[in-house]
Amino acid sequence: MPTTLESIAQALGSGLPVLLIQLLVTLALLVVGVAVYSRITPFDERRLVAAGNTAAGLTYGASITALAIPLAATLVTNGAVIDIVLWGVVALVLQLIAFAAATLLIRDLHRQIEAGNVASAAVLAGMQVAVALINAAAIAG
């Protein structure tokens, strides 16, 4: 009969590799999502953040969070890596569509962010996180 320490070692030996693979796949999806988001935005948020633009920092941080929330839901609801990838891609596409819709709803969004308009940034951030939460709930079913 295995000791408690041996049981723990066995559990780690079988579960840790799965955890690490799922974590790395999901983080890779997040990196890809952030890269795509950065490419489709009409402004360079990283440059604006480096220059101290609070509005850009708020929208960039909210965007990363909004991309991560539904990816986390894919981890909760899917055990197979292929399911995590498939649903993760779906989640990212939905989030990117939400960003595109928000840019249509907020007039001159890119100019407002570049000008440091924190109010517009907060509206965009709220919209992105709200859609992310709904997206995550839909994924979780």
C-alpha atoms as a PDB file:
ATOM      1  CA  MET A   1       0.000   0.000   0.000  1.00  0.00           C
ATOM      2  CA  PRO A   2       1.520   3.352  -1.041  1.00  0.00           C
ATOM      3  CA  THR A   3       2.245   5.984   1.566  1.00  0.00           C
ATOM      4  CA  THR A   4       0.656   9.406   1.436  1.00  0.00           C
ATOM      5  CA  LEU A   5       3.851  10.867   0.016  1.00  0.00           C
ATOM      6  CA  GLU A   6       3.975   8.193  -2.685  1.00  0.00           C
ATOM      7  CA  SER A   7       0.329   8.882  -3.562  1.00  0.00           C
ATOM      8  CA  ILE A   8       1.078  12.573  -3.890  1.00  0.00           C
ATOM      9  CA  ALA A   9       4.099  11.853  -6.076  1.00  0.00           C
ATOM     10  CA  GLN A  10       2.021   9.567  -8.309  1.00  0.00           C
ATOM     11  CA  ALA A  11      -0.722  12.185  -8.642  1.00  0.00           C
ATOM     12  CA  LEU A  12       1.810  14.855  -9.551  1.00  0.00           C
ATOM     13  CA  GLY A  13       3.524  12.529 -11.978  1.00  0.00           C
ATOM     14  CA  SER A  14       0.326  11.861 -13.877  1.00  0.00           C
ATOM     15  CA  GLY A  15      -1.408  15.245 -13.531  1.00  0.00           C
ATOM     16  CA  LEU A  16       1.411  17.763 -13.789  1.00  0.00           C
ATOM     17  CA  PRO A  17       2.334  17.043 -17.428  1.00  0.00           C
ATOM     18  CA  VAL A  18      -1.324  17.470 -18.465  1.00  0.00           C
ATOM     19  CA  LEU A  19      -1.590  20.710 -16.509  1.00  0.00           C
ATOM     20  CA  LEU A  20       1.587  22.087 -18.083  1.00  0.00           C
ATOM     21  CA  ILE A  21       0.513  21.190 -21.625  1.00  0.00           C
ATOM     22  CA  GLN A  22      -2.918  22.756 -21.164  1.00  0.00           C
ATOM     23  CA  LEU A  23      -1.395  25.849 -19.578  1.00  0.00           C
ATOM     24  CA  LEU A  24       1.183  26.291 -22.343  1.00  0.00           C
ATOM     25  CA  VAL A  25      -1.397  25.800 -25.105  1.00  0.00           C
ATOM     26  CA  THR A  26      -3.740  28.331 -23.512  1.00  0.00           C
ATOM     27  CA  LEU A  27      -0.953  30.857 -22.958  1.00  0.00           C
ATOM     28  CA  ALA A  28       0.101  30.418 -26.599  1.00  0.00           C
ATOM     29  CA  LEU A  29      -3.491  31.129 -27.659  1.00  0.00           C
ATOM     30  CA  LEU A  30      -3.481  34.251 -25.484  1.00  0.00           C
ATOM     31  CA  VAL A  31      -0.218  35.464 -27.035  1.00  0.00           C
ATOM     32  CA  VAL A  32      -1.638  34.897 -30.530  1.00  0.00           C
ATOM     33  CA  GLY A  33      -4.869  36.676 -29.577  1.00  0.00           C
ATOM     34  CA  VAL A  34      -3.006  39.673 -28.194  1.00  0.00           C
ATOM     35  CA  ALA A  35      -0.781  39.792 -31.297  1.00  0.00           C
ATOM     36  CA  VAL A  36      -3.802  39.729 -33.619  1.00  0.00           C
ATOM     37  CA  TYR A  37      -5.578  42.331 -31.491  1.00  0.00           C
ATOM     38  CA  SER A  38      -2.494  44.563 -31.630  1.00  0.00           C
ATOM     39  CA  ARG A  39      -2.364  44.231 -35.423  1.00  0.00           C
ATOM     40  CA  ILE A  40      -6.031  45.093 -36.010  1.00  0.00           C
ATOM     41  CA  THR A  41      -6.262  48.091 -33.704  1.00  0.00           C
ATOM     42  CA  PRO A  42      -6.059  51.416 -35.518  1.00  0.00           C
ATOM     43  CA  PHE A  43      -3.477  52.667 -33.015  1.00  0.00           C
ATOM     44  CA  ASP A  44      -0.267  51.352 -31.502  1.00  0.00           C
ATOM     45  CA  GLU A  45      -1.289  50.778 -27.882  1.00  0.00           C
ATOM     46  CA  ARG A  46       2.130  49.525 -26.815  1.00  0.00           C
ATOM     47  CA  ARG A  47       3.773  52.712 -28.090  1.00  0.00           C
ATOM     48  CA  LEU A  48       1.094  54.834 -26.444  1.00  0.00           C
ATOM     49  CA  VAL A  49       1.473  52.938 -23.161  1.00  0.00           C
ATOM     50  CA  ALA A  50       5.254  53.418 -23.293  1.00  0.00           C
ATOM     51  CA  ALA A  51       4.593  57.150 -23.722  1.00  0.00           C
ATOM     52  CA  GLY A  52       2.423  57.164 -20.584  1.00  0.00           C
ATOM     53  CA  ASN A  53      -1.016  57.282 -22.227  1.00  0.00           C
ATOM     54  CA  THR A  54      -3.384  56.108 -19.475  1.00  0.00           C
ATOM     55  CA  ALA A  55      -6.289  55.555 -21.869  1.00  0.00           C
ATOM     56  CA  ALA A  56      -4.183  53.235 -24.015  1.00  0.00           C
ATOM     57  CA  GLY A  57      -2.985  51.370 -20.925  1.00  0.00           C
ATOM     58  CA  LEU A  58      -6.566  50.872 -19.787  1.00  0.00           C
ATOM     59  CA  THR A  59      -7.747  49.561 -23.143  1.00  0.00           C
ATOM     60  CA  TYR A  60      -4.692  47.361 -23.657  1.00  0.00           C
ATOM     61  CA  GLY A  61      -4.961  45.826 -20.190  1.00  0.00           C
ATOM     62  CA  ALA A  62      -8.697  45.282 -20.590  1.00  0.00           C
ATOM     63  CA  SER A  63      -8.137  43.700 -23.993  1.00  0.00           C
ATOM     64  CA  ILE A  64      -5.662  41.195 -22.594  1.00  0.00           C
ATOM     65  CA  THR A  65      -8.034  40.419 -19.724  1.00  0.00           C
ATOM     66  CA  ALA A  66     -11.004  40.121 -22.092  1.00  0.00           C
ATOM     67  CA  LEU A  67      -9.083  37.672 -24.263  1.00  0.00           C
ATOM     68  CA  ALA A  68      -8.010  35.627 -21.229  1.00  0.00           C
ATOM     69  CA  ILE A  69     -11.446  35.248 -19.614  1.00  0.00           C
ATOM     70  CA  PRO A  70     -13.037  33.008 -22.270  1.00  0.00           C
ATOM     71  CA  LEU A  71      -9.765  31.113 -22.675  1.00  0.00           C
ATOM     72  CA  ALA A  72      -9.979  30.289 -18.986  1.00  0.00           C
ATOM     73  CA  ALA A  73     -13.496  28.954 -19.587  1.00  0.00           C
ATOM     74  CA  THR A  74     -12.135  26.613 -22.242  1.00  0.00           C
ATOM     75  CA  LEU A  75      -9.741  25.192 -19.661  1.00  0.00           C
ATOM     76  CA  VAL A  76     -12.541  24.604 -17.199  1.00  0.00           C
ATOM     77  CA  THR A  77     -14.819  22.868 -19.672  1.00  0.00           C
ATOM     78  CA  ASN A  78     -12.418  20.934 -21.903  1.00  0.00           C
ATOM     79  CA  GLY A  79      -9.859  18.308 -21.006  1.00  0.00           C
ATOM     80  CA  ALA A  80      -8.490  17.525 -24.449  1.00  0.00           C
ATOM     81  CA  VAL A  81      -5.907  19.875 -25.932  1.00  0.00           C
ATOM     82  CA  ILE A  82      -7.657  19.859 -29.317  1.00  0.00           C
ATOM     83  CA  ASP A  83     -10.890  21.053 -27.674  1.00  0.00           C
ATOM     84  CA  ILE A  84      -8.991  23.796 -25.847  1.00  0.00           C
ATOM     85  CA  VAL A  85      -7.472  24.913 -29.148  1.00  0.00           C
ATOM     86  CA  LEU A  86     -10.755  24.801 -31.095  1.00  0.00           C
ATOM     87  CA  TRP A  87     -12.860  26.552 -28.470  1.00  0.00           C
ATOM     88  CA  GLY A  88     -10.001  28.912 -27.680  1.00  0.00           C
ATOM     89  CA  VAL A  89      -9.857  30.042 -31.302  1.00  0.00           C
ATOM     90  CA  VAL A  90     -13.646  30.510 -31.333  1.00  0.00           C
ATOM     91  CA  ALA A  91     -13.432  32.555 -28.123  1.00  0.00           C
ATOM     92  CA  LEU A  92     -10.657  34.751 -29.512  1.00  0.00           C
ATOM     93  CA  VAL A  93     -12.501  35.381 -32.767  1.00  0.00           C
ATOM     94  CA  LEU A  94     -15.629  36.402 -30.850  1.00  0.00           C
ATOM     95  CA  GLN A  95     -13.624  38.789 -28.704  1.00  0.00           C
ATOM     96  CA  LEU A  96     -11.954  40.352 -31.729  1.00  0.00           C
ATOM     97  CA  ILE A  97     -15.361  40.798 -33.362  1.00  0.00           C
ATOM     98  CA  ALA A  98     -16.576  42.493 -30.171  1.00  0.00           C
ATOM     99  CA  PHE A  99     -13.662  44.912 -30.354  1.00  0.00           C
ATOM    100  CA  ALA A 100     -14.468  45.674 -33.997  1.00  0.00           C
ATOM    101  CA  ALA A 101     -18.115  46.314 -33.076  1.00  0.00           C
ATOM    102  CA  ALA A 102     -17.068  48.612 -30.234  1.00  0.00           C
ATOM    103  CA  THR A 103     -14.901  50.662 -32.568  1.00  0.00           C
ATOM    104  CA  LEU A 104     -17.953  51.186 -34.756  1.00  0.00           C
ATOM    105  CA  LEU A 105     -20.077  52.252 -31.778  1.00  0.00           C
ATOM    106  CA  ILE A 106     -17.592  54.724 -30.319  1.00  0.00           C
ATOM    107  CA  ARG A 107     -17.013  57.486 -32.826  1.00  0.00           C
ATOM    108  CA  ASP A 108     -13.343  58.312 -33.534  1.00  0.00           C
ATOM    109  CA  LEU A 109     -12.221  55.783 -30.925  1.00  0.00           C
ATOM    110  CA  HIS A 110      -8.617  55.649 -32.074  1.00  0.00           C
ATOM    111  CA  ARG A 111      -8.263  59.443 -31.926  1.00  0.00           C
ATOM    112  CA  GLN A 112      -9.834  59.508 -28.479  1.00  0.00           C
ATOM    113  CA  ILE A 113      -7.461  56.836 -27.165  1.00  0.00           C
ATOM    114  CA  GLU A 114      -4.453  58.553 -28.744  1.00  0.00           C
ATOM    115  CA  ALA A 115      -5.593  61.812 -27.103  1.00  0.00           C
ATOM    116  CA  GLY A 116      -5.722  60.042 -23.724  1.00  0.00           C
ATOM    117  CA  ASN A 117      -9.517  60.102 -23.306  1.00  0.00           C
ATOM    118  CA  VAL A 118      -9.877  57.803 -20.301  1.00  0.00           C
ATOM    119  CA  ALA A 119     -13.690  57.947 -20.396  1.00  0.00           C
ATOM    120  CA  SER A 120     -13.776  56.413 -23.885  1.00  0.00           C
ATOM    121  CA  ALA A 121     -11.146  53.889 -22.834  1.00  0.00           C
ATOM    122  CA  ALA A 122     -13.266  52.882 -19.839  1.00  0.00           C
ATOM    123  CA  VAL A 123     -16.319  52.353 -22.051  1.00  0.00           C
ATOM    124  CA  LEU A 124     -14.310  50.184 -24.440  1.00  0.00           C
ATOM    125  CA  ALA A 125     -12.769  48.256 -21.540  1.00  0.00           C
ATOM    126  CA  GLY A 126     -16.195  47.657 -20.016  1.00  0.00           C
ATOM    127  CA  MET A 127     -17.628  46.467 -23.317  1.00  0.00           C
ATOM    128  CA  GLN A 128     -14.734  44.074 -23.876  1.00  0.00           C
ATOM    129  CA  VAL A 129     -14.882  42.549 -20.402  1.00  0.00           C
ATOM    130  CA  ALA A 130     -18.693  42.285 -20.529  1.00  0.00           C
ATOM    131  CA  VAL A 131     -18.556  40.382 -23.812  1.00  0.00           C
ATOM    132  CA  ALA A 132     -15.730  38.228 -22.425  1.00  0.00           C
ATOM    133  CA  LEU A 133     -17.825  37.221 -19.425  1.00  0.00           C
ATOM    134  CA  ILE A 134     -20.823  36.357 -21.603  1.00  0.00           C
ATOM    135  CA  ASN A 135     -18.541  34.528 -24.031  1.00  0.00           C
ATOM    136  CA  ALA A 136     -17.018  32.529 -21.167  1.00  0.00           C
ATOM    137  CA  ALA A 137     -20.439  31.647 -19.762  1.00  0.00           C
ATOM    138  CA  ALA A 138     -21.602  30.475 -23.183  1.00  0.00           C
ATOM    139  CA  ILE A 139     -18.502  28.310 -23.530  1.00  0.00           C
ATOM    140  CA  ALA A 140     -19.000  26.859 -20.065  1.00  0.00           C
ATOM    141  CA  GLY A 141     -22.608  26.074 -21.012  1.00  0.00           C
END
